[in-house]
Protein backbone atom coordinates (compact mmCIF):
# COMPACT_ATOMS: atom_id res chain seq x y z
CA MET A 1 119.81 -22.42 -129.70
CA LEU A 2 123.60 -20.98 -130.24
CA LEU A 3 122.50 -17.65 -129.31
CA ASP A 4 126.05 -16.59 -128.25
CA GLU A 5 127.13 -17.83 -131.70
CA VAL A 6 124.57 -16.18 -133.34
CA LEU A 7 125.20 -12.86 -131.71
CA ALA A 8 129.05 -12.88 -132.52
CA ALA A 9 128.03 -13.64 -136.31
CA LEU A 10 125.84 -11.11 -136.78
CA ALA A 11 127.53 -8.80 -134.53
CA PRO A 12 124.48 -6.30 -134.18
CA ARG A 13 125.08 -2.99 -133.40
CA PRO A 14 122.41 0.43 -131.99
CA GLY A 15 120.68 1.59 -134.96
CA GLN A 16 121.00 -1.32 -137.26
CA VAL A 17 117.88 -3.10 -139.30
CA VAL A 18 117.88 -7.22 -138.77
CA VAL A 19 115.88 -9.26 -140.14
CA ASP A 20 114.93 -12.83 -137.59
CA SER A 21 113.17 -15.10 -140.70
CA THR A 22 112.09 -17.64 -138.35
CA VAL A 23 111.38 -15.45 -135.05
CA GLY A 24 109.42 -18.64 -133.06
CA TRP A 25 109.15 -17.27 -129.92
CA ALA A 26 111.56 -14.73 -130.26
CA GLY A 27 114.37 -16.12 -128.30
CA HIS A 28 116.98 -14.51 -130.90
CA ALA A 29 115.05 -11.43 -131.75
CA THR A 30 114.56 -10.19 -128.63
CA GLU A 31 118.43 -10.34 -127.88
CA LEU A 32 119.07 -8.41 -131.76
CA LEU A 33 116.22 -5.94 -130.38
CA ARG A 34 118.45 -5.33 -127.17
CA ARG A 35 121.18 -4.57 -129.02
CA VAL A 36 120.47 -2.28 -132.37
CA GLY A 37 118.56 -0.20 -129.56
CA PRO A 38 115.73 2.10 -130.13
CA GLY A 39 117.01 3.74 -132.93
CA GLY A 40 117.00 0.51 -135.05
CA LEU A 41 114.20 -2.39 -136.05
CA VAL A 42 113.96 -5.63 -135.53
CA ILE A 43 111.74 -7.49 -138.20
CA GLY A 44 110.41 -10.85 -137.50
CA LEU A 45 108.73 -13.71 -139.69
CA ASP A 46 107.59 -16.90 -139.01
CA PHE A 47 105.45 -19.45 -140.93
CA ASP A 48 103.67 -21.01 -137.74
CA ALA A 49 101.24 -18.05 -137.19
CA ASP A 50 100.77 -19.71 -133.59
CA ASN A 51 104.12 -18.50 -132.31
CA LEU A 52 103.54 -14.42 -133.23
CA PRO A 53 101.72 -13.88 -130.03
CA ARG A 54 103.94 -15.29 -127.68
CA ALA A 55 106.75 -13.17 -129.81
CA ARG A 56 105.05 -9.94 -130.00
CA GLU A 57 104.86 -10.41 -125.97
CA ARG A 58 109.04 -10.77 -125.48
CA LEU A 59 109.68 -8.29 -127.72
CA GLU A 60 107.38 -5.73 -126.04
CA ALA A 61 108.91 -6.25 -123.08
CA ALA A 62 112.44 -5.72 -124.33
CA GLY A 63 111.05 -2.57 -125.41
CA GLY A 64 112.36 -0.72 -129.22
CA PRO A 65 110.96 -0.90 -132.36
CA PHE A 66 109.86 -4.59 -134.29
CA ALA A 67 107.73 -5.77 -137.07
CA LEU A 68 105.86 -9.40 -136.97
CA HIS A 69 104.81 -10.84 -140.17
CA HIS A 70 103.60 -14.33 -140.74
CA GLY A 71 104.50 -15.89 -143.65
CA ASN A 72 107.49 -17.85 -145.01
CA PHE A 73 111.66 -16.69 -144.94
CA ALA A 74 111.80 -17.84 -148.70
CA GLY A 75 108.93 -14.15 -149.08
CA VAL A 76 111.08 -12.27 -146.97
CA GLN A 77 112.22 -10.01 -149.66
CA ASN A 78 108.19 -8.85 -150.33
CA VAL A 79 108.11 -8.22 -146.51
CA LEU A 80 110.62 -6.02 -147.05
CA ALA A 81 109.62 -4.32 -150.11
CA ALA A 82 106.33 -4.04 -148.37
CA ALA A 83 107.70 -1.99 -145.62
CA GLY A 84 109.86 0.14 -148.07
CA ILE A 85 113.36 -1.69 -147.03
CA SER A 86 115.89 -1.89 -149.62
CA ALA A 87 118.41 -3.74 -147.60
CA VAL A 88 119.05 -4.73 -143.92
CA ASP A 89 122.42 -4.92 -141.70
CA GLY A 90 121.80 -8.65 -140.63
CA VAL A 91 119.47 -11.94 -141.67
CA LEU A 92 118.88 -14.69 -139.71
CA ALA A 93 117.22 -18.01 -140.33
CA ASP A 94 117.34 -20.62 -137.41
CA LEU A 95 115.81 -23.85 -139.28
CA GLY A 96 115.20 -25.78 -136.25
CA MET A 97 111.74 -26.90 -134.70
CA SER A 98 111.03 -25.18 -131.13
CA SER A 99 110.25 -27.39 -128.18
CA LEU A 100 106.68 -26.20 -128.05
CA GLN A 101 106.12 -27.10 -131.53
CA VAL A 102 107.29 -31.28 -131.09
CA ASP A 103 105.90 -30.94 -127.47
CA ASP A 104 102.38 -30.34 -128.90
CA ALA A 105 100.26 -33.30 -130.01
CA GLY A 106 97.65 -31.75 -131.71
CA ARG A 107 100.37 -30.46 -134.20
CA GLY A 108 101.82 -33.96 -135.28
CA PHE A 109 105.36 -33.33 -134.85
CA SER A 110 106.24 -35.98 -132.12
CA TYR A 111 107.12 -39.68 -132.43
CA ILE A 112 106.15 -39.84 -128.72
CA ARG A 113 102.97 -38.32 -128.04
CA ASP A 114 99.53 -38.99 -129.83
CA GLY A 115 98.11 -36.99 -132.46
CA PRO A 116 96.84 -36.31 -135.67
CA LEU A 117 99.66 -36.94 -138.28
CA ASP A 118 99.69 -33.28 -139.46
CA MET A 119 103.32 -31.54 -139.49
CA ARG A 120 102.14 -28.49 -141.39
CA MET A 121 104.03 -25.16 -140.22
CA ASP A 122 100.98 -23.21 -141.12
CA ARG A 123 98.00 -25.02 -140.60
CA ASN A 124 95.72 -22.93 -143.15
CA ARG A 125 97.61 -24.03 -146.14
CA GLY A 126 98.90 -27.38 -148.20
CA ARG A 127 98.52 -31.14 -147.32
CA THR A 128 98.89 -32.70 -143.71
CA ALA A 129 101.42 -35.38 -143.51
CA ALA A 130 98.98 -37.99 -143.44
CA GLN A 131 97.32 -36.70 -147.02
CA TRP A 132 100.83 -37.16 -148.11
CA LEU A 133 101.52 -40.32 -146.95
CA ALA A 134 98.00 -41.76 -148.49
CA THR A 135 99.18 -41.13 -152.16
CA VAL A 136 103.04 -41.37 -152.72
CA ALA A 137 104.71 -43.82 -154.08
CA GLU A 138 106.95 -46.34 -152.48
CA ASP A 139 109.97 -45.40 -154.43
CA ASP A 140 109.13 -41.38 -153.59
CA LEU A 141 109.16 -42.35 -150.17
CA ARG A 142 111.94 -44.11 -149.93
CA GLN A 143 114.11 -41.28 -151.26
CA ALA A 144 112.50 -38.99 -149.50
CA LEU A 145 113.52 -40.71 -146.09
CA HIS A 146 116.79 -41.55 -147.40
CA GLU A 147 117.82 -38.17 -148.46
CA LEU A 148 116.01 -36.09 -146.24
CA GLY A 149 116.33 -38.25 -143.31
CA ASP A 150 119.22 -39.79 -143.75
CA GLU A 151 117.19 -42.67 -142.71
CA PRO A 152 119.70 -46.04 -143.27
CA GLU A 153 116.32 -48.68 -143.45
CA ALA A 154 114.54 -46.40 -145.98
CA GLY A 155 113.54 -49.00 -147.97
CA ARG A 156 111.99 -51.30 -145.33
CA ILE A 157 110.10 -48.63 -144.07
CA ALA A 158 108.69 -47.46 -147.03
CA GLN A 159 107.03 -50.65 -147.74
CA ALA A 160 106.13 -50.87 -144.63
CA ILE A 161 104.58 -47.85 -144.74
CA VAL A 162 102.82 -48.77 -148.22
CA ARG A 163 101.62 -51.94 -147.03
CA ALA A 164 100.07 -50.64 -143.71
CA ARG A 165 98.04 -47.95 -145.48
CA GLN A 166 96.33 -50.70 -147.50
CA SER A 167 94.22 -51.82 -144.62
CA ALA A 168 93.86 -48.48 -143.15
CA ALA A 169 94.79 -44.52 -143.45
CA ILE A 170 97.85 -43.46 -141.42
CA GLU A 171 95.97 -40.95 -139.42
CA ARG A 172 97.74 -40.69 -135.92
CA THR A 173 101.55 -40.15 -134.96
CA THR A 174 102.07 -43.19 -133.01
CA ASP A 175 100.50 -45.42 -135.82
CA LEU A 176 103.32 -44.36 -137.76
CA ALA A 177 105.77 -44.67 -135.19
CA ARG A 178 104.71 -47.85 -134.26
CA ILE A 179 104.27 -49.42 -138.11
CA ILE A 180 108.13 -48.15 -138.17
CA ARG A 181 109.29 -49.64 -135.18
CA GLU A 182 108.10 -52.92 -136.22
CA ALA A 183 109.48 -52.76 -139.73
CA THR A 184 112.77 -51.98 -138.55
CA GLU A 185 114.92 -55.30 -137.50
CA GLY A 186 116.59 -54.70 -133.94
CA GLU A 187 114.76 -51.56 -133.40
CA ALA A 188 111.93 -52.24 -131.83
CA ASP A 189 113.11 -53.21 -128.17
CA ARG A 190 116.48 -51.18 -128.24
CA PRO A 191 116.28 -48.19 -125.67
CA TRP A 192 116.02 -45.32 -127.29
CA ARG A 193 115.91 -42.61 -124.14
CA LEU A 194 118.86 -40.55 -122.30
CA HIS A 195 122.10 -43.01 -122.78
CA PRO A 196 124.03 -43.57 -119.93
CA ARG A 197 126.70 -41.39 -120.56
CA PRO A 198 125.21 -37.58 -119.86
CA GLY A 199 124.82 -35.76 -122.95
CA GLN A 200 124.67 -39.17 -125.21
CA TRP A 201 121.49 -40.34 -126.84
CA ASN A 202 120.04 -43.77 -128.81
CA LEU A 203 117.81 -42.32 -131.80
CA HIS A 204 114.09 -43.36 -131.62
CA PRO A 205 113.27 -45.39 -134.76
CA ALA A 206 110.81 -43.11 -135.85
CA ALA A 207 113.16 -39.90 -135.24
CA ARG A 208 114.28 -39.65 -139.02
CA THR A 209 110.97 -40.61 -140.91
CA PHE A 210 109.22 -37.68 -138.45
CA GLN A 211 111.84 -35.57 -139.76
CA ALA A 212 111.92 -36.29 -143.24
CA LEU A 213 108.25 -35.94 -143.59
CA ARG A 214 108.46 -32.39 -142.02
CA ILE A 215 110.55 -31.23 -144.35
CA MET A 216 108.47 -32.61 -147.59
CA VAL A 217 105.21 -31.52 -146.33
CA ASN A 218 106.69 -28.12 -145.57
CA ARG A 219 108.95 -27.63 -148.62
CA GLU A 220 111.31 -26.54 -146.36
CA LEU A 221 114.63 -27.38 -148.61
CA ALA A 222 112.94 -25.15 -151.43
CA ASN A 223 112.38 -22.61 -149.50
CA LEU A 224 115.75 -22.72 -148.36
CA GLU A 225 116.89 -22.71 -151.54
CA GLU A 226 114.95 -19.55 -152.40
CA LEU A 227 116.06 -17.43 -149.39
CA LEU A 228 119.89 -18.48 -150.21
CA ARG A 229 119.08 -17.10 -153.75
CA VAL A 230 117.62 -13.69 -152.62
CA LEU A 231 119.88 -13.14 -149.43
CA PRO A 232 122.91 -10.83 -151.16
CA ALA A 233 120.17 -8.70 -152.39
CA LEU A 234 118.98 -8.28 -148.65
CA LEU A 235 122.06 -7.21 -147.38
CA LYS A 236 123.72 -4.29 -146.88
CA PRO A 237 127.25 -3.89 -147.72
CA GLY A 238 129.35 -5.48 -144.80
CA GLY A 239 125.98 -6.36 -143.71
CA ARG A 240 125.73 -10.49 -142.44
CA ALA A 241 123.77 -13.63 -142.64
CA ALA A 242 123.58 -16.58 -140.30
CA ILE A 243 121.87 -19.76 -141.03
CA VAL A 244 121.66 -22.84 -138.40
CA SER A 245 120.81 -25.59 -139.75
CA PHE A 246 120.05 -29.66 -138.44
CA HIS A 247 120.14 -31.45 -141.24
CA SER A 248 122.77 -32.53 -143.30
CA GLY A 249 120.88 -31.21 -146.60
CA GLU A 250 119.99 -28.12 -145.31
CA ASP A 251 123.78 -27.85 -144.37
CA ARG A 252 125.06 -28.43 -147.76
CA LEU A 253 122.97 -25.82 -149.63
CA VAL A 254 124.01 -23.30 -146.86
CA LYS A 255 127.71 -24.50 -147.40
CA ALA A 256 127.33 -24.54 -151.34
CA ALA A 257 125.49 -21.41 -151.70
CA PHE A 258 128.08 -19.52 -149.14
CA ARG A 259 130.90 -20.78 -150.92
CA GLU A 260 129.82 -19.59 -154.52
CA GLY A 261 128.89 -16.66 -152.89
CA LEU A 262 132.59 -16.12 -151.74
CA GLN A 263 133.98 -17.03 -155.20
CA ALA A 264 131.61 -14.72 -157.51
CA GLY A 265 133.06 -11.81 -154.84
CA VAL A 266 129.42 -11.57 -153.79
CA TYR A 267 130.36 -12.14 -150.20
CA SER A 268 133.88 -10.98 -148.71
CA ARG A 269 134.03 -13.59 -146.04
CA ILE A 270 132.16 -16.47 -144.87
CA ALA A 271 132.47 -19.22 -141.89
CA PRO A 272 135.61 -21.37 -142.94
CA GLU A 273 133.62 -24.32 -140.60
CA PRO A 274 130.23 -24.51 -139.35
CA ILE A 275 129.80 -23.61 -135.83
CA ARG A 276 128.70 -26.24 -133.26
CA ALA A 277 126.80 -25.83 -130.28
CA GLY A 278 129.22 -26.12 -126.73
CA PHE A 279 129.36 -28.94 -124.34
CA ALA A 280 127.33 -27.58 -122.16
CA GLU A 281 124.17 -26.48 -124.58
CA ARG A 282 124.90 -30.01 -125.57
CA SER A 283 124.09 -31.19 -122.23
CA ALA A 284 121.49 -28.97 -121.09
CA ASN A 285 119.37 -29.37 -124.89
CA PRO A 286 120.00 -32.69 -126.48
CA ARG A 287 118.64 -31.13 -129.82
CA ALA A 288 121.66 -28.72 -129.92
CA ARG A 289 123.99 -32.07 -130.94
CA SER A 290 122.83 -31.20 -134.62
CA ALA A 291 123.02 -27.81 -135.29
CA LYS A 292 125.60 -26.31 -137.64
CA LEU A 293 125.59 -22.31 -137.67
CA ARG A 294 127.27 -20.46 -140.82
CA TRP A 295 127.66 -16.99 -141.45
CA ALA A 296 128.61 -14.81 -144.55
CA GLU A 297 129.25 -11.25 -144.71
CA ARG A 298 128.21 -9.18 -147.82
CA SER A 299 131.26 -7.59 -149.67
CA GLY A 300 131.59 -3.84 -149.65
CA PRO A 301 132.36 -1.35 -146.93
CA PRO A 302 129.79 -1.42 -144.20
CA ALA A 303 127.20 1.31 -144.22
CA ALA A 304 127.78 2.65 -140.70
CA CYS A 305 131.64 4.27 -140.46
CA GLY A 306 134.17 4.14 -137.93
CA VAL A 307 132.79 1.06 -135.86
CA ALA A 308 135.04 -1.87 -136.05
CA LEU A 309 133.32 -5.16 -136.54
CA ALA A 310 133.80 -7.93 -134.55
CA GLN A 311 135.03 -11.10 -135.93
CA PRO A 312 132.58 -13.63 -136.25
CA GLY A 313 132.98 -17.06 -134.66
């Protein structure tokens, strides 16, 4: 997602140390590794341990030194400290879901495919979405759907979910999707697949609710806040951070943190506006339509001398 734009923002150079804190299947990390060369290092983290074997294969094929760690990006400072690294030249966080995670029915992220209502990035810890829905108060659920899913029918959906769980536990993705569709006026019969005009989609009635639940189950905003808090300490002078967000709440946190850092002199430059995917990428991958990239550059001269920095975005 936004590969060219991310590379322009981070401007990786031979010999640098770069962190991909959401490595996934190493799409970004592989290109970063090719650019930092044999003298540099790419450090990858992922909260989903299932992603790491595939990421390792791709990075080994690319060549060059790398290290992979299972963990949330909120703990990236501890990972670097354990490796004896005090600061790095670049940090990337792509906050989006991978297509493979969504398409795996057993993970519970899809409102289309039937599977257990799990949604945990790390399946060895925390409560599942089904367990969370079984106990959450209706008002708290309504607020989560409104704030984390931008759901205009938050009250109606929350009420329907609470009513349904009184009869039977909601444990399957398709059961939850059905409850949402039945609760939403005018949505049950609305076509939500590809719009007749290329690149335009109607949103599935359950999409926002599933997004909000995933964010709650994985404490994604709290983890992002922690990453933004430690980010300046992770970067060398002149080092850069790039964050790709997919939700308005995420983007607001990134925007505020970067602006506050600029005002405080922590960052010398930040993205004046979010960078969006181009028409070709949005057409080829509709999930890119909501992606927003923001970058920031740590104040102070770059660690490497005599190399002009490319201008991000």
